[in-house]
Amino acid sequence: YYNTRFTTINSYFEEVFELPMVKIKNRDGSSNETGRATIRDIVAHRMDLNLFDDLGHLEQMIDYSGGCLHDLFEMIIDAGSNAWQADRERIEDEDYESA
């Protein structure tokens, strides 16, 4: 909706799906495990989690995304591209850091 080219591409699709923000922290600053588990499940449906050398990297990316799925997937794509360019089969520390 917020992209200037939305009206141009909108006519090519029957439905528009808006990705909601997922609550990953509670008001008191504590971790919202339900939201975090939901995001992990969404990611697991899109990729094999074994592609992460350390699942802690995914957890950190979830934190950095603030619950925004678009931002999270951009980080994962960047990390994966970096790993692929370096001819690695898994996302490692330097791929995570670059993302």
Protein backbone atom coordinates (compact mmCIF):
# COMPACT_ATOMS: atom_id res chain seq x y z
CA TYR A 1 0.00 0.00 0.00
CA TYR A 2 2.79 2.39 0.83
CA ASN A 3 4.95 1.80 -2.21
CA THR A 4 4.52 4.34 -5.00
CA ARG A 5 4.36 1.49 -7.54
CA PHE A 6 1.56 -0.35 -5.72
CA THR A 7 -1.19 0.83 -8.06
CA THR A 8 0.87 -0.31 -11.05
CA ILE A 9 1.25 -3.91 -9.89
CA ASN A 10 -2.01 -4.23 -7.94
CA SER A 11 -4.02 -4.99 -11.09
CA TYR A 12 -1.95 -8.17 -11.69
CA PHE A 13 -3.12 -9.82 -8.47
CA GLU A 14 -6.54 -10.97 -7.34
CA GLU A 15 -5.92 -10.37 -3.64
CA VAL A 16 -3.61 -8.20 -1.60
CA PHE A 17 -2.28 -9.65 1.63
CA GLU A 18 -1.02 -7.35 4.32
CA LEU A 19 1.62 -8.84 6.58
CA PRO A 20 0.86 -7.82 10.16
CA MET A 21 3.38 -6.90 12.81
CA VAL A 22 3.83 -9.76 15.25
CA LYS A 23 4.15 -8.89 18.92
CA ILE A 24 7.56 -10.13 20.11
CA LYS A 25 7.80 -8.10 23.32
CA ASN A 26 5.29 -7.29 26.01
CA ARG A 27 4.70 -3.79 27.36
CA ASP A 28 6.96 -4.52 30.32
CA GLY A 29 9.82 -5.38 27.92
CA SER A 30 9.66 -9.12 28.52
CA SER A 31 9.75 -11.51 25.60
CA ASN A 32 6.42 -12.54 24.06
CA GLU A 33 7.06 -16.22 23.42
CA THR A 34 3.79 -16.75 21.55
CA GLY A 35 4.71 -14.11 18.98
CA ARG A 36 8.29 -15.33 18.69
CA ALA A 37 7.10 -18.92 18.17
CA THR A 38 4.68 -17.70 15.50
CA ILE A 39 7.50 -15.98 13.63
CA ARG A 40 9.75 -19.05 13.92
CA ASP A 41 6.91 -21.17 12.49
CA ILE A 42 6.42 -18.76 9.58
CA VAL A 43 10.14 -18.84 8.80
CA ALA A 44 10.22 -22.65 9.13
CA HIS A 45 7.44 -22.91 6.55
CA ARG A 46 9.52 -20.85 4.11
CA MET A 47 12.97 -22.38 4.66
CA ASP A 48 14.84 -25.16 6.41
CA LEU A 49 16.00 -23.78 9.76
CA ASN A 50 19.10 -25.98 9.48
CA LEU A 51 20.36 -23.43 6.96
CA PHE A 52 21.32 -21.35 10.00
CA ASP A 53 24.66 -22.40 11.47
CA ASP A 54 23.38 -21.05 14.80
CA LEU A 55 19.65 -20.58 15.50
CA GLY A 56 20.65 -17.74 17.80
CA HIS A 57 21.16 -15.71 14.64
CA LEU A 58 17.50 -16.17 13.72
CA GLU A 59 16.50 -15.14 17.24
CA GLN A 60 18.58 -11.98 16.95
CA MET A 61 17.09 -11.21 13.54
CA ILE A 62 13.62 -11.57 15.06
CA ASP A 63 14.64 -9.03 17.73
CA TYR A 64 16.08 -6.62 15.16
CA SER A 65 12.95 -6.91 13.00
CA GLY A 66 10.74 -5.74 15.83
CA GLY A 67 8.12 -8.22 14.66
CA CYS A 68 7.97 -6.89 11.08
CA LEU A 69 7.95 -9.93 8.80
CA HIS A 70 9.06 -7.93 5.76
CA ASP A 71 12.16 -6.67 7.58
CA LEU A 72 12.92 -10.13 8.95
CA PHE A 73 12.78 -11.75 5.52
CA GLU A 74 14.95 -8.99 4.06
CA MET A 75 17.61 -9.78 6.68
CA ILE A 76 17.36 -13.52 6.01
CA ILE A 77 17.61 -12.96 2.25
CA ASP A 78 20.65 -10.70 2.72
CA ALA A 79 22.36 -13.24 4.98
CA GLY A 80 21.56 -16.09 2.59
CA SER A 81 22.84 -14.15 -0.40
CA ASN A 82 26.06 -13.37 1.43
CA ALA A 83 26.52 -17.06 2.33
CA TRP A 84 25.78 -18.11 -1.26
CA GLN A 85 28.29 -15.60 -2.67
CA ALA A 86 30.92 -16.94 -0.26
CA ASP A 87 30.07 -20.48 -1.41
CA ARG A 88 28.81 -21.56 2.03
CA GLU A 89 25.87 -23.90 2.50
CA ARG A 90 24.72 -22.36 5.78
CA ILE A 91 24.26 -18.88 7.18
CA GLU A 92 27.24 -18.28 9.44
CA ASP A 93 28.35 -15.47 11.77
CA GLU A 94 29.71 -13.17 9.08
CA ASP A 95 26.56 -13.61 6.95
CA TYR A 96 24.39 -12.75 9.92
CA GLU A 97 26.57 -9.73 10.73
CA SER A 98 26.44 -8.45 7.16
CA ALA A 99 22.65 -8.68 7.10
